[in-house]
Protein backbone atom coordinates (compact mmCIF):
# COMPACT_ATOMS: atom_id res chain seq x y z
CA MET A 1 0.09 0.00 0.06
CA SER A 2 1.18 3.44 -0.90
CA ASP A 3 -0.14 6.29 1.10
CA THR A 4 1.73 9.00 -0.97
CA VAL A 5 -0.73 11.29 -2.82
CA ARG A 6 -2.09 10.69 -6.27
CA THR A 7 -4.38 12.50 -8.91
CA ALA A 8 -5.18 9.06 -10.93
CA ARG A 9 -3.38 5.89 -9.92
CA PRO A 10 -0.43 5.89 -7.27
CA PRO A 11 2.79 5.42 -8.91
CA ALA A 12 4.62 1.88 -8.51
CA GLU A 13 6.98 2.51 -5.59
CA GLY A 14 9.59 1.32 -6.53
CA ARG A 15 0.67 -13.08 26.85
CA PRO A 16 -0.05 -15.97 28.17
CA GLU A 17 -3.12 -14.13 29.61
CA PRO A 18 -6.52 -14.55 28.66
CA LEU A 19 -8.79 -12.46 27.00
CA PRO A 20 -10.98 -10.98 29.47
CA ALA A 21 -14.86 -12.25 28.99
CA ALA A 22 -15.97 -8.71 28.60
CA ALA A 23 -13.83 -8.70 25.78
CA GLU A 24 -15.11 -11.29 24.11
CA ASP A 25 -18.39 -10.30 24.20
CA ALA A 26 -17.61 -6.88 23.13
CA GLU A 27 -19.92 -6.68 20.36
CA ASP A 28 -22.53 -7.24 22.87
CA THR A 29 -21.48 -4.54 25.31
CA GLU A 30 -20.65 -2.15 22.92
CA PRO A 31 -22.15 -2.86 19.43
CA ASP A 32 -20.45 -1.30 16.76
CA LYS A 33 -18.62 1.40 18.37
CA ALA A 34 -15.62 2.44 16.60
CA GLU A 35 -15.99 0.57 13.37
CA ALA A 36 -15.04 3.59 11.83
CA GLY A 37 -11.37 3.31 10.95
CA PRO A 38 -8.41 1.42 10.41
CA VAL A 39 -7.95 2.24 13.93
CA GLU A 40 -10.92 2.37 15.50
CA ALA A 41 -11.59 -1.63 14.45
CA GLU A 42 -13.48 -2.46 17.75
CA ALA A 43 -16.97 -2.40 17.77
CA GLY A 44 -17.84 1.26 17.18
CA PRO A 45 -16.24 4.78 17.58
CA ALA A 46 -14.29 5.08 20.42
CA ARG A 47 -15.15 8.04 22.34
CA ALA A 48 -13.34 10.46 24.98
CA ASP A 49 -15.40 9.48 27.28
CA ALA A 50 -15.40 5.93 26.77
CA GLY A 51 -17.37 3.72 29.08
CA PRO A 52 -15.96 1.57 31.82
CA ALA A 53 -12.70 0.16 31.05
CA LYS A 54 -14.26 -3.59 31.85
CA GLN A 55 -16.48 -3.11 28.55
CA ARG A 56 -13.22 -2.53 26.41
CA ASP A 57 -10.44 -5.17 26.14
CA ALA A 58 -6.76 -3.47 26.52
CA PHE A 59 -4.90 -5.73 24.23
CA PHE A 60 -6.67 -4.62 20.97
CA ASP A 61 -6.38 -0.83 22.37
CA ASN A 62 -2.76 -1.54 22.78
CA ALA A 63 -2.59 -3.16 19.38
CA LYS A 64 -4.23 -0.27 17.54
CA TYR A 65 -1.90 2.36 19.08
CA LEU A 66 1.58 0.63 18.59
CA ALA A 67 0.28 -0.11 14.90
CA ILE A 68 -0.80 3.61 13.96
CA VAL A 69 2.58 4.50 15.41
CA LEU A 70 4.10 2.30 12.69
CA VAL A 71 1.86 3.67 10.08
CA ALA A 72 3.13 7.34 11.43
CA ALA A 73 6.70 6.08 11.04
CA GLY A 74 6.57 4.90 7.80
CA HIS A 75 5.06 8.04 6.46
CA ALA A 76 8.06 9.70 7.82
CA TRP A 77 10.26 7.04 6.34
CA GLU A 78 9.12 7.53 2.61
CA PRO A 79 11.38 11.07 1.77
CA LEU A 80 14.62 8.97 3.60
CA ARG A 81 14.13 5.68 1.80
CA GLU A 82 15.91 6.90 -1.48
CA GLY A 83 19.06 7.36 0.24
CA SER A 84 19.39 4.63 2.75
CA ARG A 85 19.08 0.75 2.31
CA ALA A 86 18.26 0.41 6.17
CA VAL A 87 15.25 2.72 6.35
CA THR A 88 13.96 1.09 3.11
CA ALA A 89 14.11 -2.13 4.42
CA LEU A 90 12.46 -1.10 7.81
CA TYR A 91 9.90 0.76 5.46
CA LEU A 92 9.24 -2.88 3.77
CA LEU A 93 8.83 -4.58 6.70
CA VAL A 94 6.74 -2.10 8.23
CA TYR A 95 4.28 -2.28 5.44
CA ALA A 96 4.06 -6.00 5.49
CA PHE A 97 1.84 -5.94 8.03
CA HIS A 98 0.69 -2.97 9.90
CA MET A 99 -2.30 -2.23 7.70
CA PRO A 100 -3.14 -5.82 7.69
CA VAL A 101 -3.12 -6.15 11.51
CA PHE A 102 -5.45 -3.28 11.49
CA ILE A 103 -7.73 -5.05 9.00
CA VAL A 104 -7.76 -7.93 10.60
CA ILE A 105 -8.76 -6.24 13.88
CA ALA A 106 -11.63 -4.66 11.87
CA GLY A 107 -13.07 -8.02 10.35
CA TYR A 108 -12.71 -9.29 13.96
CA PHE A 109 -15.07 -6.75 15.55
CA SER A 110 -17.53 -6.96 11.97
CA ARG A 111 -18.21 -10.27 12.99
CA ARG A 112 -21.95 -9.46 13.85
CA SER A 113 -22.01 -7.01 11.01
CA ASP A 114 -25.75 -6.56 9.21
CA ALA A 115 -28.14 -4.32 7.74
CA SER A 116 -29.83 -3.43 10.96
CA PRO A 117 -31.06 0.57 11.37
CA GLY A 118 -28.48 0.78 14.50
CA ARG A 119 -25.51 -0.54 12.45
CA VAL A 120 -26.19 1.18 8.97
CA LYS A 121 -26.46 4.24 11.21
CA ARG A 122 -23.28 3.98 12.67
CA LEU A 123 -21.81 3.11 9.27
CA ILE A 124 -22.60 5.99 7.61
CA THR A 125 -21.79 8.46 10.37
CA GLY A 126 -18.78 6.36 11.51
CA VAL A 127 -17.14 5.73 8.06
CA ALA A 128 -19.03 7.56 5.07
CA VAL A 129 -19.62 11.00 6.44
CA PRO A 130 -15.47 10.86 7.40
CA TYR A 131 -14.66 10.04 4.42
CA VAL A 132 -16.26 12.60 2.67
CA VAL A 133 -15.10 15.41 5.13
CA PHE A 134 -11.33 14.10 4.80
CA GLU A 135 -11.45 13.63 0.99
CA VAL A 136 -12.30 17.14 0.83
CA ALA A 137 -9.75 18.58 3.54
CA TYR A 138 -6.88 16.49 1.63
CA THR A 139 -7.64 17.51 -1.57
CA LEU A 140 -7.64 21.05 -0.76
CA PHE A 141 -4.70 20.64 1.51
CA THR A 142 -2.44 19.13 -1.28
CA ARG A 143 -3.41 21.59 -3.49
CA TRP A 144 -1.31 23.74 -1.75
CA THR A 145 1.23 21.45 -0.35
CA ASP A 146 2.19 20.11 -3.98
CA GLN A 147 1.27 22.99 -6.03
CA GLN A 148 -1.37 21.76 -7.92
CA PHE A 149 -4.28 24.00 -7.35
CA GLY A 150 -6.33 22.61 -10.18
CA ARG A 151 -6.34 19.03 -8.33
CA PRO A 152 -10.28 18.19 -8.63
CA ILE A 153 -12.02 17.05 -5.48
CA SER A 154 -13.36 13.60 -6.42
CA LEU A 155 -15.52 11.36 -3.92
CA LEU A 156 -15.29 8.07 -6.27
CA ASP A 157 -11.24 8.84 -6.21
CA PRO A 158 -9.67 8.13 -2.50
CA LEU A 159 -6.96 10.38 -2.35
CA TYR A 160 -4.14 9.38 0.28
CA LEU A 161 -5.41 7.72 3.16
CA THR A 162 -8.59 8.38 2.81
CA TRP A 163 -8.78 4.86 0.67
CA PHE A 164 -9.05 2.89 3.87
CA LEU A 165 -12.65 4.37 5.06
CA ALA A 166 -13.81 3.64 1.33
CA ALA A 167 -12.92 0.10 1.46
CA LEU A 168 -14.02 -0.63 4.89
CA PHE A 169 -17.48 0.85 3.82
CA ILE A 170 -17.37 -1.81 1.02
CA TRP A 171 -15.99 -4.57 3.36
CA ARG A 172 -18.50 -4.05 6.24
CA LEU A 173 -21.52 -3.86 3.89
CA THR A 174 -20.23 -6.98 2.26
CA ALA A 175 -19.93 -8.67 6.01
CA PRO A 176 -22.78 -11.15 6.02
CA VAL A 177 -21.84 -12.82 2.38
CA TRP A 178 -18.72 -14.05 4.19
CA ARG A 179 -20.56 -15.12 6.92
CA LEU A 180 -22.75 -17.22 4.69
CA VAL A 181 -20.44 -18.61 1.74
CA ARG A 182 -18.93 -21.96 2.55
CA TRP A 183 -15.29 -21.28 1.96
CA PRO A 184 -14.96 -17.58 2.76
CA LEU A 185 -11.30 -16.81 3.18
CA PRO A 186 -10.27 -19.31 -0.50
CA LEU A 187 -12.82 -17.12 -2.32
CA ALA A 188 -11.26 -13.74 -1.32
CA LEU A 189 -7.93 -14.76 -1.92
CA VAL A 190 -9.23 -15.90 -5.34
CA LEU A 191 -11.03 -12.55 -5.92
CA ALA A 192 -7.69 -11.03 -4.60
CA MET A 193 -5.55 -12.85 -7.29
CA LEU A 194 -7.76 -11.98 -10.21
CA ALA A 195 -7.92 -8.58 -8.86
CA THR A 196 -4.12 -8.30 -9.82
CA LEU A 197 -4.75 -9.32 -13.40
CA SER A 198 -7.29 -6.49 -13.82
CA PRO A 199 -5.35 -3.37 -14.45
CA SER A 200 -8.84 -1.98 -15.94
CA ILE A 201 -10.42 -1.99 -12.44
CA GLY A 202 -9.76 1.75 -12.44
CA ASN A 203 -9.74 4.15 -9.62
CA ASP A 204 -13.00 3.96 -8.59
CA LEU A 205 -13.26 3.75 -4.54
CA ASP A 206 -9.74 2.34 -5.09
CA LEU A 207 -11.22 -0.85 -5.63
CA GLN A 208 -7.79 -2.79 -6.91
CA ARG A 209 -6.88 -1.95 -3.47
CA THR A 210 -10.20 -3.05 -1.91
CA LEU A 211 -10.14 -6.31 -3.77
CA GLN A 212 -6.31 -7.12 -2.72
CA PHE A 213 -6.87 -6.16 1.12
CA LEU A 214 -10.27 -8.08 1.26
CA PRO A 215 -8.65 -11.44 2.50
CA TYR A 216 -7.29 -9.58 5.46
CA PHE A 217 -10.93 -8.57 6.54
CA VAL A 218 -12.12 -11.79 6.01
CA LEU A 219 -9.87 -13.59 7.87
CA GLY A 220 -10.70 -11.10 10.70
CA LEU A 221 -14.35 -12.08 10.43
CA LEU A 222 -13.20 -15.96 11.16
CA LEU A 223 -11.39 -15.20 14.03
CA ARG A 224 -12.19 -15.99 17.54
CA PRO A 225 -11.29 -15.07 20.98
CA GLU A 226 -9.35 -18.39 21.20
CA HIS A 227 -7.42 -17.31 18.39
CA PHE A 228 -5.76 -14.46 20.01
CA ARG A 229 -5.24 -16.27 22.98
CA LEU A 230 -3.03 -18.95 20.72
CA VAL A 231 -1.22 -16.03 19.50
CA ARG A 232 -0.19 -14.88 23.03
CA ARG A 233 1.07 -18.01 24.11
CA ARG A 234 4.93 -17.91 25.75
CA GLU A 235 6.36 -20.07 22.69
CA VAL A 236 5.25 -17.99 20.15
CA ARG A 237 6.37 -14.89 21.82
CA LEU A 238 9.66 -16.34 22.02
CA LEU A 239 9.49 -17.90 18.14
CA ALA A 240 8.31 -13.97 17.12
CA LEU A 241 11.83 -12.56 17.99
CA PRO A 242 14.03 -14.92 15.43
CA VAL A 243 11.13 -15.11 12.62
CA SER A 244 11.04 -10.89 13.23
CA ALA A 245 15.00 -10.85 13.24
CA GLY A 246 14.93 -13.08 10.03
CA ALA A 247 12.35 -10.98 8.19
CA LEU A 248 14.35 -7.78 8.64
CA ALA A 249 17.58 -9.49 7.35
CA LEU A 250 15.30 -10.58 4.21
CA ALA A 251 13.61 -7.26 4.10
CA TYR A 252 17.20 -5.82 3.89
CA TRP A 253 18.44 -8.26 1.16
CA ALA A 254 14.87 -7.85 -0.76
CA VAL A 255 15.45 -3.92 -1.20
CA PRO A 256 17.31 -3.77 -4.30
CA ARG A 257 15.99 -7.01 -5.90
CA VAL A 258 12.17 -6.93 -5.38
CA ASP A 259 9.83 -4.17 -6.00
CA TYR A 260 8.14 -3.79 -2.82
CA ALA A 261 4.72 -1.98 -4.23
CA TRP A 262 3.33 -5.23 -4.23
CA PHE A 263 2.78 -4.98 -0.55
CA PHE A 264 0.94 -1.65 -1.40
CA HIS A 265 -1.87 -4.03 -2.85
CA ASN A 266 -2.99 -0.77 -5.13
CA SER A 267 -1.40 -2.35 -8.07
CA SER A 268 -1.87 -5.21 -10.68
CA ALA A 269 0.86 -7.23 -12.11
CA GLU A 270 0.57 -5.34 -15.51
CA GLU A 271 1.24 -1.95 -13.85
CA LEU A 272 4.05 -3.43 -11.75
CA GLY A 273 5.62 -4.28 -14.97
CA ALA A 274 5.62 -8.10 -14.43
CA PRO A 275 4.07 -10.91 -16.12
CA GLY A 276 0.20 -11.56 -15.45
CA TRP A 277 1.04 -14.85 -13.56
CA TYR A 278 3.09 -13.12 -11.06
CA GLY A 279 -0.12 -11.22 -9.79
CA PRO A 280 -1.55 -14.63 -8.19
CA VAL A 281 1.33 -15.89 -6.83
CA MET A 282 2.50 -12.69 -5.18
CA THR A 283 -0.80 -12.46 -3.60
CA LEU A 284 -0.37 -15.78 -2.05
CA ALA A 285 3.19 -15.00 -1.05
CA THR A 286 2.47 -11.49 0.39
CA PHE A 287 -0.55 -12.71 2.05
CA GLY A 288 1.48 -15.48 3.94
CA CYS A 289 4.04 -12.92 4.80
CA SER A 290 1.73 -10.40 6.08
CA ALA A 291 -0.25 -13.26 8.12
CA VAL A 292 3.19 -14.69 10.08
CA LEU A 293 4.36 -10.76 10.47
CA ALA A 294 0.92 -9.95 11.97
CA VAL A 295 1.10 -13.04 14.29
CA CYS A 296 4.96 -11.58 15.49
CA PHE A 297 3.59 -8.08 16.39
CA LEU A 298 0.51 -9.44 18.36
CA ALA A 299 2.57 -11.80 20.26
CA TRP A 300 4.17 -8.82 21.74
CA VAL A 301 1.37 -6.34 22.34
CA PRO A 302 0.73 -6.25 26.01
CA GLY A 303 -2.58 -7.91 27.28
CA ARG A 304 -2.68 -5.29 30.26
CA ARG A 305 -4.01 -1.71 30.62
CA THR A 306 -0.83 0.45 29.99
CA TRP A 307 -0.18 4.52 29.67
CA PHE A 308 -1.07 3.95 25.91
CA THR A 309 -4.09 1.91 26.15
CA VAL A 310 -6.63 5.19 26.31
CA LEU A 311 -4.92 6.31 23.03
CA GLY A 312 -5.66 3.27 21.37
CA THR A 313 -9.36 4.05 21.77
CA GLY A 314 -8.86 7.47 19.52
CA THR A 315 -6.26 6.00 16.82
CA LEU A 316 -9.01 6.91 14.07
CA TYR A 317 -8.20 10.49 15.02
CA GLY A 318 -4.58 10.02 14.41
CA TYR A 319 -5.09 8.16 11.51
CA LEU A 320 -6.94 10.63 9.73
CA LEU A 321 -4.96 13.98 11.16
CA HIS A 322 -1.51 12.74 10.69
CA GLY A 323 -1.70 12.77 7.35
CA PHE A 324 -1.60 16.73 7.30
CA PHE A 325 1.99 16.60 9.10
CA ALA A 326 3.55 13.69 6.87
CA GLN A 327 2.36 15.70 3.51
CA GLY A 328 2.97 19.48 5.19
CA ALA A 329 6.66 18.23 6.23
CA LYS A 330 7.97 17.92 2.69
CA PHE A 331 6.45 21.02 2.10
CA TRP A 332 7.68 22.84 5.44
CA GLY A 333 10.98 21.82 4.54
CA TRP A 334 11.78 19.18 7.07
CA TYR A 335 13.54 16.88 5.42
CA ASP A 336 15.97 19.69 3.58
CA PRO A 337 18.92 19.70 6.14
CA ASP A 338 21.69 17.47 4.90
CA TRP A 339 21.77 15.74 8.29
CA VAL A 340 18.07 14.58 8.42
CA GLN A 341 19.28 12.07 5.51
CA GLY A 342 21.51 10.53 7.79
CA PRO A 343 20.89 8.06 10.55
CA LEU A 344 20.27 10.65 13.18
CA GLY A 345 17.63 12.11 10.80
CA ALA A 346 15.90 8.78 10.70
CA ILE A 347 16.19 8.29 14.43
CA ALA A 348 14.57 12.20 14.78
CA ALA A 349 11.81 11.59 12.18
CA THR A 350 10.46 8.28 13.67
CA LEU A 351 10.53 10.26 17.04
CA VAL A 352 8.52 13.17 15.83
CA ALA A 353 6.17 11.01 14.01
CA ALA A 354 5.29 9.02 17.12
CA ALA A 355 5.36 12.07 19.03
CA ILE A 356 2.43 13.74 16.69
CA VAL A 357 0.19 10.78 16.23
CA THR A 358 0.37 10.08 19.87
CA VAL A 359 -0.93 13.68 20.53
CA LEU A 360 -3.67 13.50 17.98
CA CYS A 361 -5.02 10.14 19.62
CA THR A 362 -5.39 11.95 23.07
CA PRO A 363 -8.81 12.63 24.40
CA PRO A 364 -8.85 16.77 24.08
CA VAL A 365 -8.25 16.42 20.01
CA ARG A 366 -10.98 13.92 20.19
CA ARG A 367 -13.12 16.21 21.38
CA VAL A 368 -12.22 18.92 19.15
CA PHE A 369 -12.71 16.91 15.79
CA ARG A 370 -15.19 14.61 16.87
CA CYS A 371 -18.10 16.98 14.88
CA VAL A 372 -16.29 15.80 11.57
CA THR A 373 -15.22 12.25 12.90
CA GLU A 374 -17.64 10.77 14.84
CA PRO A 375 -20.98 12.79 14.29
CA SER A 376 -24.03 11.57 15.94
CA MET A 377 -26.26 13.33 12.95
CA GLU A 378 -29.68 12.32 14.59
CA TRP A 379 -31.23 15.18 12.61
CA ALA A 380 -30.40 13.23 9.50
CA PHE A 381 -32.14 9.83 10.61
CA ARG A 382 -35.89 8.72 10.92
CA ARG A 383 -36.74 8.00 14.85
CA PRO A 384 -37.29 4.23 15.63
CA GLY A 385 -41.28 3.35 15.31
């Protein structure tokens, strides 16, 4: 997934502790709260005044916060890749699993998604409305930062990171279908493989990326609490260390040899300059790689409440807002000093990105932007009965 701004198609770049019972039934206690974003992948928008802690599982909030930090770091590394093979390897490694983690969690908390009025209402206010607002906002902002003052506002062609909201809207609408069919994950993988053979899919709602990331959402729909307990076993944690180290070494080796744009899932094989048969093969290969790295990541996510657990309830805000800083940093010349292109610059960029996205997930920021990110919009809906 490439998160660079585009006008048409993006260029090809280059705990052993068990889950609490309340968490296992989170969809019953807080139906559809925060299903709005990668980050609000629990049962519905996480509010600044979220209910009692026992209604949420700290594990998932911790996972979302740590993953959104990696998203911000990945964006901060983008301008530094050309001059550093090490930064590019880290970038490749992170892009292999950070969005799959979000999408799997989103699918997991969409297991009871249906066409009931309450869920449809939350799908509109928590996904569709933020999509429209931020699609317009990013278009206007990047007209200035990219000096492309004629860039059109198009609600059908997601710009920058708004693609996720468009994809999530489609995935959640189709959730009942995936619960009905007999072999949902193989079918989703087949659709993803076929998408890589079709450069003519076009940019409407970023369907190419929506289809290629679909298997991760369907996988989340199929998971149960016991699967997450298995991932957090001590032996899995210990095994995750050498596997992650090996993956990093492999990423370093692959930088000059493999087009890591396959992990962006936004282009067909033809658009990446590869034979058609590469598409289905790379779909299975990247899915397996991403699944293994996601397990390694989740294995080391704390299951207890930490200082950043509360921030995991606001990662929708961090996701949607940090892009303004990522885009503005290049325009404001943050990467211009020579030292920024070296190791100290990469460390500084990572720390600044982590600090910014952390602030954006805090309750005060959520209170300010809730009107456009989680609007109630009671005036727009009929009263029950």
